[in-house]
Amino acid sequence: MWRMSDAPSGLTRVAVVGGGIAGLTLAAALDPARFDVTLVEAQPERTTGAALGLWPGARRTLARLGVALPAPTKADHGGLYRLDGARVATVRGPDLAMVMRPALMEALAAAVPGSVRRVMAEVTDPSTLDADLVVGADGVRSRVRGLVQPGAAERRETPYVTLRGIVPAGAAADRLRPLVGEYWGAGTLFGLAPVGDALYWFTGHVSDLGPEPLDVTTVVAEARERFAAAAPHLREVLDAAGDDTLATRLWVTPPMHRYVSGRYVVIGDAAHAAPPNLGRGASDAALDAASLARILNTNRSLAAWQARRLPVTQVARTVAGWGMRVALSPTRDLLWRRIGTK
């Protein structure tokens, strides 16, 4: 790790723990004339098999930072279906755009100035970091979060496991494109979203599989059982799931009543990790980081940043959890009857 004497005189030393979307955005946005920034990451993340949704505010913010976003695919409409493929409704959603995660990470990394140090190391005790400000951008497993709010140090397990993958461009993706949307069943969720000429797919189901890291083959096998009564095109996607499929259990952060304490700050999933139902994880990570950088670059109060970002992100965390419970409710048939389907 670096020492105090390594920092140029007069610059505020910032340690950013975590090199994901939040960490890279902050490193790209902080003024190098005012801040000596070190970005610490335990290991490069595995980024295959995943896509992300970016809301308009996040796209505008990243563009202002000079992040050369790959051409996004609009995903602002689709169907809501029963798991057997019966359409329940056509949904017009927000102006959401899908991008491949590896491409977004590459664009963010390219926007980080050369003055930022990149350190590959595991931070087990952030209190030992020699910096004026320590920013936890270290995800739901954050080590910094406990220094901001000790009662929220431990992440919370949900009953859901997820699979995420890509149907590559070609005949299969073209055939499935008119069927994009979400498919809800009792304890099961399947989603299809366009990303370029390919399709991003994701599942969620209630499972007691463990411990982590989850074995992809085992999760895929269980998912095939749980989705045995799903529409044929969904089963086809699962049957084609390969080694680049991502299998994870969903974890969330506890409620947070502050994001700042002394020299410690948390942003992104370290502060408000939630189920992915609102598609806001990547966007809120970027918005947290960019707005924090604006506050720091202009020497304004961190309390003002916290007052702005905490309410909206904590509400989103709560609503996303509610949405996941509704989508995977075991009383799914009752919901369909309430909205007029058979």
Protein backbone atom coordinates (compact mmCIF):
# COMPACT_ATOMS: atom_id res chain seq x y z
CA MET A 1 0.00 0.00 0.00
CA TRP A 2 1.03 3.61 -0.38
CA ARG A 3 2.28 5.97 2.35
CA MET A 4 1.45 9.57 3.21
CA SER A 5 4.79 10.71 1.82
CA ASP A 6 3.84 9.33 -1.61
CA ALA A 7 1.13 11.96 -2.12
CA PRO A 8 2.05 15.28 -3.75
CA SER A 9 2.05 18.16 -1.28
CA GLY A 10 -1.26 19.96 -0.87
CA LEU A 11 -3.46 17.28 -2.42
CA THR A 12 -6.21 15.56 -0.47
CA ARG A 13 -5.54 11.82 -0.36
CA VAL A 14 -8.55 9.68 -1.33
CA ALA A 15 -8.60 5.90 -1.12
CA VAL A 16 -11.37 4.35 -3.22
CA VAL A 17 -11.99 0.76 -2.16
CA GLY A 18 -13.48 -1.19 -5.06
CA GLY A 19 -12.97 -0.96 -8.80
CA GLY A 20 -16.51 -1.52 -10.03
CA ILE A 21 -18.87 1.03 -11.56
CA ALA A 22 -19.01 3.27 -8.49
CA GLY A 23 -15.27 3.19 -7.86
CA LEU A 24 -14.26 3.83 -11.46
CA THR A 25 -16.80 6.63 -11.86
CA LEU A 26 -15.51 8.38 -8.75
CA ALA A 27 -11.89 7.98 -9.85
CA ALA A 28 -12.79 9.44 -13.25
CA ALA A 29 -14.71 12.37 -11.76
CA LEU A 30 -12.40 13.62 -8.99
CA ASP A 31 -10.28 16.64 -9.92
CA PRO A 32 -6.64 15.48 -10.19
CA ALA A 33 -5.48 19.00 -9.40
CA ARG A 34 -7.07 18.68 -5.94
CA PHE A 35 -7.00 14.97 -5.12
CA ASP A 36 -4.42 12.24 -4.97
CA VAL A 37 -6.51 9.14 -5.70
CA THR A 38 -5.69 5.50 -5.17
CA LEU A 39 -8.12 2.87 -6.42
CA VAL A 40 -7.77 -0.39 -4.50
CA GLU A 41 -9.33 -3.58 -5.86
CA ALA A 42 -8.94 -7.13 -4.60
CA GLN A 43 -9.24 -8.80 -8.00
CA PRO A 44 -10.67 -8.10 -11.43
CA GLU A 45 -14.35 -8.94 -11.59
CA ARG A 46 -15.75 -11.61 -13.86
CA THR A 47 -17.82 -9.67 -16.35
CA THR A 48 -18.99 -12.26 -18.87
CA GLY A 49 -22.63 -13.15 -19.25
CA ALA A 50 -24.08 -9.91 -17.95
CA ALA A 51 -25.69 -6.72 -19.18
CA LEU A 52 -26.79 -3.61 -17.30
CA GLY A 53 -29.57 -1.09 -17.59
CA LEU A 54 -28.71 2.61 -17.52
CA TRP A 55 -31.38 5.21 -16.79
CA PRO A 56 -31.26 8.58 -18.61
CA GLY A 57 -29.75 10.49 -15.70
CA ALA A 58 -26.85 8.06 -15.43
CA ARG A 59 -26.21 8.17 -19.19
CA ARG A 60 -26.11 11.97 -19.15
CA THR A 61 -23.84 12.00 -16.11
CA LEU A 62 -21.35 9.56 -17.62
CA ALA A 63 -21.35 11.47 -20.91
CA ARG A 64 -20.45 14.68 -19.05
CA LEU A 65 -17.48 12.85 -17.52
CA GLY A 66 -16.24 11.91 -20.96
CA VAL A 67 -17.13 8.24 -20.64
CA ALA A 68 -17.47 6.92 -24.19
CA LEU A 69 -20.48 4.69 -23.66
CA PRO A 70 -21.04 1.91 -26.14
CA ALA A 71 -24.16 2.36 -28.24
CA PRO A 72 -26.98 1.42 -25.85
CA THR A 73 -30.04 -0.61 -26.78
CA LYS A 74 -33.35 0.88 -25.70
CA ALA A 75 -35.32 -1.48 -23.45
CA ASP A 76 -38.29 0.74 -22.63
CA HIS A 77 -41.07 -1.68 -23.51
CA GLY A 78 -41.85 -5.37 -23.32
CA GLY A 79 -44.39 -7.84 -22.11
CA LEU A 80 -45.44 -9.05 -18.70
CA TYR A 81 -46.17 -12.75 -18.98
CA ARG A 82 -47.19 -15.70 -16.92
CA LEU A 83 -44.45 -18.30 -16.77
CA ASP A 84 -46.28 -20.46 -19.30
CA GLY A 85 -45.93 -17.66 -21.86
CA ALA A 86 -49.44 -16.19 -21.68
CA ARG A 87 -49.19 -12.41 -22.06
CA VAL A 88 -50.68 -10.45 -19.18
CA ALA A 89 -49.85 -6.92 -20.31
CA THR A 90 -47.68 -4.83 -22.60
CA VAL A 91 -45.52 -2.60 -20.45
CA ARG A 92 -44.09 0.78 -21.41
CA GLY A 93 -41.28 1.33 -18.99
CA PRO A 94 -38.75 4.11 -18.36
CA ASP A 95 -36.17 5.16 -20.93
CA LEU A 96 -33.86 2.33 -19.94
CA ALA A 97 -30.88 1.44 -22.14
CA MET A 98 -29.00 -1.84 -21.96
CA VAL A 99 -25.21 -2.12 -22.29
CA MET A 100 -22.87 -5.06 -21.89
CA ARG A 101 -21.09 -4.83 -18.55
CA PRO A 102 -17.59 -5.51 -19.94
CA ALA A 103 -17.98 -2.68 -22.45
CA LEU A 104 -19.18 -0.27 -19.75
CA MET A 105 -16.30 -1.19 -17.46
CA GLU A 106 -13.81 -0.68 -20.28
CA ALA A 107 -15.27 2.74 -21.06
CA LEU A 108 -15.13 3.78 -17.40
CA ALA A 109 -11.54 2.59 -17.02
CA ALA A 110 -10.52 4.59 -20.10
CA ALA A 111 -11.96 7.77 -18.51
CA VAL A 112 -9.85 7.43 -15.33
CA PRO A 113 -6.91 9.86 -15.47
CA GLY A 114 -3.38 8.51 -15.47
CA SER A 115 -2.66 10.18 -12.12
CA VAL A 116 -4.91 7.63 -10.34
CA ARG A 117 -2.97 4.75 -8.81
CA ARG A 118 -4.42 1.27 -9.37
CA VAL A 119 -3.53 -1.13 -6.56
CA MET A 120 -4.44 -4.82 -6.61
CA ALA A 121 -4.85 -5.73 -2.94
CA GLU A 122 -7.53 -6.98 -0.57
CA VAL A 123 -8.57 -4.41 2.01
CA THR A 124 -9.47 -6.31 5.17
CA ASP A 125 -9.34 -3.31 7.51
CA PRO A 126 -10.11 0.03 5.83
CA SER A 127 -9.26 1.88 9.05
CA THR A 128 -5.59 1.22 8.33
CA LEU A 129 -5.65 2.98 4.96
CA ASP A 130 -3.43 6.05 4.92
CA ALA A 131 -5.81 8.56 3.36
CA ASP A 132 -7.77 11.65 4.26
CA LEU A 133 -10.96 10.14 2.83
CA VAL A 134 -11.83 6.45 2.42
CA VAL A 135 -14.68 5.73 0.02
CA GLY A 136 -16.27 2.30 0.15
CA ALA A 137 -17.27 1.35 -3.38
CA ASP A 138 -16.75 -2.27 -2.41
CA GLY A 139 -20.21 -3.67 -3.01
CA VAL A 140 -22.61 -5.56 -0.81
CA ARG A 141 -19.71 -7.27 1.02
CA SER A 142 -18.31 -3.84 1.93
CA ARG A 143 -15.69 -3.62 4.68
CA VAL A 144 -16.10 0.16 4.79
CA ARG A 145 -19.84 0.07 5.56
CA GLY A 146 -19.25 -1.12 9.13
CA LEU A 147 -17.10 1.95 9.79
CA VAL A 148 -19.93 4.21 8.63
CA GLN A 149 -22.77 2.39 10.40
CA PRO A 150 -21.57 -0.46 12.62
CA GLY A 151 -25.00 -2.09 12.87
CA ALA A 152 -25.13 -2.43 9.08
CA ALA A 153 -21.76 -4.10 8.63
CA GLU A 154 -23.13 -7.51 7.60
CA ARG A 155 -24.96 -8.03 4.32
CA ARG A 156 -28.33 -9.78 4.38
CA GLU A 157 -29.10 -12.99 2.56
CA THR A 158 -32.23 -13.29 0.45
CA PRO A 159 -33.91 -16.61 -0.44
CA TYR A 160 -33.24 -16.03 -4.15
CA VAL A 161 -30.55 -17.29 -6.50
CA THR A 162 -30.12 -15.88 -9.99
CA LEU A 163 -28.68 -16.90 -13.33
CA ARG A 164 -27.56 -14.37 -15.93
CA GLY A 165 -26.45 -15.01 -19.47
CA ILE A 166 -26.42 -13.89 -23.09
CA VAL A 167 -28.16 -15.33 -26.12
CA PRO A 168 -25.63 -14.33 -28.79
CA ALA A 169 -26.61 -12.53 -31.96
CA GLY A 170 -28.08 -14.94 -34.47
CA ALA A 171 -31.20 -16.87 -35.31
CA ALA A 172 -32.12 -17.71 -31.71
CA ALA A 173 -31.85 -14.08 -30.55
CA ASP A 174 -33.85 -12.86 -33.55
CA ARG A 175 -36.60 -15.38 -32.88
CA LEU A 176 -36.83 -14.45 -29.19
CA ARG A 177 -36.69 -10.66 -29.64
CA PRO A 178 -40.50 -10.21 -29.98
CA LEU A 179 -40.88 -12.04 -26.66
CA VAL A 180 -38.77 -9.74 -24.47
CA GLY A 181 -40.15 -8.93 -21.04
CA GLU A 182 -40.59 -10.62 -17.69
CA TYR A 183 -42.24 -13.95 -16.95
CA TRP A 184 -43.59 -14.39 -13.41
CA GLY A 185 -44.40 -17.65 -11.70
CA ALA A 186 -44.78 -18.97 -8.17
CA GLY A 187 -41.27 -18.60 -6.77
CA THR A 188 -39.78 -18.08 -10.24
CA LEU A 189 -38.89 -15.15 -12.48
CA PHE A 190 -37.47 -15.12 -16.00
CA GLY A 191 -36.46 -12.03 -17.98
CA LEU A 192 -35.38 -11.31 -21.54
CA ALA A 193 -33.98 -7.94 -22.64
CA PRO A 194 -32.35 -6.77 -25.88
CA VAL A 195 -28.72 -5.69 -25.85
CA GLY A 196 -27.35 -4.87 -29.29
CA ASP A 197 -28.05 -7.78 -31.63
CA ALA A 198 -28.00 -10.19 -28.69
CA LEU A 199 -30.39 -10.85 -25.81
CA TYR A 200 -29.68 -10.68 -22.10
CA TRP A 201 -31.52 -13.24 -20.01
CA PHE A 202 -31.85 -13.62 -16.27
CA THR A 203 -33.69 -15.84 -13.85
CA GLY A 204 -34.55 -15.78 -10.18
CA HIS A 205 -35.92 -18.56 -8.04
CA VAL A 206 -36.22 -19.46 -4.39
CA SER A 207 -33.40 -21.81 -3.40
CA ASP A 208 -31.43 -23.00 -0.41
CA LEU A 209 -28.32 -23.84 -2.44
CA GLY A 210 -25.00 -22.88 -0.91
CA PRO A 211 -22.39 -22.09 0.19
CA GLU A 212 -20.88 -19.51 -2.12
CA PRO A 213 -19.41 -19.44 -4.65
CA LEU A 214 -22.32 -21.30 -6.20
CA ASP A 215 -21.59 -24.03 -8.70
CA VAL A 216 -23.07 -22.92 -12.05
CA THR A 217 -23.89 -26.45 -13.15
CA THR A 218 -25.81 -27.15 -9.96
CA VAL A 219 -27.79 -23.91 -10.13
CA VAL A 220 -28.63 -24.43 -13.80
CA ALA A 221 -29.83 -27.97 -13.06
CA GLU A 222 -32.06 -26.73 -10.25
CA ALA A 223 -33.39 -23.91 -12.43
CA ARG A 224 -34.28 -26.36 -15.18
CA GLU A 225 -36.37 -28.27 -12.64
CA ARG A 226 -38.06 -25.13 -11.31
CA PHE A 227 -38.82 -23.87 -14.83
CA ALA A 228 -39.97 -27.24 -16.18
CA ALA A 229 -43.49 -25.88 -16.74
CA ALA A 230 -42.25 -22.61 -18.32
CA ALA A 231 -42.88 -21.60 -21.91
CA PRO A 232 -40.82 -23.67 -24.38
CA HIS A 233 -38.66 -20.71 -25.48
CA LEU A 234 -37.62 -20.09 -21.86
CA ARG A 235 -36.68 -23.73 -21.38
CA GLU A 236 -34.70 -23.51 -24.61
CA VAL A 237 -32.64 -20.63 -23.20
CA LEU A 238 -31.91 -22.57 -20.01
CA ASP A 239 -30.99 -25.69 -21.98
CA ALA A 240 -28.36 -23.64 -23.83
CA ALA A 241 -26.84 -22.12 -20.67
CA GLY A 242 -23.07 -22.49 -20.89
CA ASP A 243 -19.91 -21.90 -18.88
CA ASP A 244 -20.19 -18.12 -19.21
CA THR A 245 -23.48 -18.13 -17.27
CA LEU A 246 -23.26 -16.32 -13.94
CA ALA A 247 -24.82 -17.92 -10.87
CA THR A 248 -25.17 -15.90 -7.66
CA ARG A 249 -27.28 -15.65 -4.56
CA LEU A 250 -28.91 -12.27 -4.10
CA TRP A 251 -27.66 -10.35 -1.07
CA VAL A 252 -28.80 -6.92 0.07
CA THR A 253 -27.58 -4.29 2.47
CA PRO A 254 -29.45 -3.55 5.69
CA PRO A 255 -31.26 -0.20 5.93
CA MET A 256 -28.80 2.68 6.22
CA HIS A 257 -29.48 5.97 7.97
CA ARG A 258 -26.16 7.53 6.98
CA TYR A 259 -23.58 7.15 4.22
CA VAL A 260 -20.91 9.34 5.82
CA SER A 261 -19.09 9.06 9.13
CA GLY A 262 -15.86 10.94 9.76
CA ARG A 263 -13.45 10.15 6.93
CA TYR A 264 -15.52 7.19 5.67
CA VAL A 265 -18.15 7.25 2.90
CA VAL A 266 -20.06 4.44 1.16
CA ILE A 267 -21.53 4.56 -2.32
CA GLY A 268 -23.23 2.17 -4.73
CA ASP A 269 -24.05 -1.33 -3.58
CA ALA A 270 -21.98 -0.81 -0.43
CA ALA A 271 -24.68 1.66 0.63
CA HIS A 272 -27.90 0.32 -0.89
CA ALA A 273 -27.56 -3.06 -2.62
CA ALA A 274 -31.04 -4.28 -3.57
CA PRO A 275 -32.70 -6.90 -5.74
CA PRO A 276 -32.41 -5.97 -9.42
CA ASN A 277 -36.12 -5.46 -10.12
CA LEU A 278 -35.91 -1.70 -10.72
CA GLY A 279 -32.79 -1.95 -12.88
CA ARG A 280 -31.22 0.90 -10.90
CA GLY A 281 -28.07 -0.68 -9.48
CA ALA A 282 -25.59 0.51 -12.11
CA SER A 283 -27.28 3.89 -12.54
CA ASP A 284 -27.38 4.69 -8.84
CA ALA A 285 -23.76 3.61 -8.43
CA ALA A 286 -22.70 6.06 -11.14
CA LEU A 287 -24.93 8.84 -9.80
CA ASP A 288 -23.66 8.34 -6.23
CA ALA A 289 -20.06 8.59 -7.40
CA ALA A 290 -20.46 11.52 -9.77
CA SER A 291 -22.48 13.58 -7.29
CA LEU A 292 -19.95 12.83 -4.53
CA ALA A 293 -17.14 13.99 -6.81
CA ARG A 294 -18.99 17.26 -7.55
CA ILE A 295 -19.33 17.91 -3.82
CA LEU A 296 -15.67 17.19 -3.18
CA ASN A 297 -14.42 19.11 -6.22
CA THR A 298 -16.24 22.23 -5.05
CA ASN A 299 -15.35 21.81 -1.37
CA ARG A 300 -18.95 21.50 -0.24
CA SER A 301 -20.33 19.56 2.70
CA LEU A 302 -20.58 15.78 2.57
CA ALA A 303 -23.71 16.16 4.69
CA ALA A 304 -25.39 17.90 1.75
CA TRP A 305 -24.46 15.02 -0.56
CA GLN A 306 -25.80 12.50 1.95
CA ALA A 307 -29.07 14.42 2.35
CA ARG A 308 -29.56 14.30 -1.40
CA ARG A 309 -28.58 10.70 -2.17
CA LEU A 310 -29.63 8.73 0.91
CA PRO A 311 -33.45 9.15 0.74
CA VAL A 312 -33.83 8.32 -2.94
CA THR A 313 -31.54 5.30 -2.85
CA GLN A 314 -32.98 3.89 0.38
CA VAL A 315 -36.51 4.20 -1.02
CA ALA A 316 -35.38 2.44 -4.20
CA ARG A 317 -33.78 -0.32 -2.11
CA THR A 318 -37.06 -0.86 -0.25
CA VAL A 319 -39.24 -0.77 -3.37
CA ALA A 320 -36.96 -3.20 -5.20
CA GLY A 321 -37.25 -5.67 -2.34
CA TRP A 322 -41.02 -5.37 -2.43
CA GLY A 323 -41.01 -5.84 -6.19
CA MET A 324 -38.97 -9.02 -5.94
CA ARG A 325 -41.39 -10.46 -3.40
CA VAL A 326 -44.36 -9.66 -5.65
CA ALA A 327 -42.70 -11.08 -8.77
CA LEU A 328 -41.84 -14.37 -7.07
CA SER A 329 -44.91 -14.59 -4.86
CA PRO A 330 -46.18 -18.13 -4.24
CA THR A 331 -49.72 -16.72 -4.61
CA ARG A 332 -49.09 -15.76 -8.24
CA ASP A 333 -52.45 -17.10 -9.48
CA LEU A 334 -54.29 -14.76 -7.11
CA LEU A 335 -52.45 -11.79 -8.58
CA TRP A 336 -53.34 -12.77 -12.14
CA ARG A 337 -56.99 -13.05 -11.19
CA ARG A 338 -56.90 -9.60 -9.56
CA ILE A 339 -55.67 -8.04 -12.82
CA GLY A 340 -58.14 -9.92 -15.00
CA THR A 341 -56.27 -12.90 -16.47
CA LYS A 342 -57.23 -16.53 -16.39
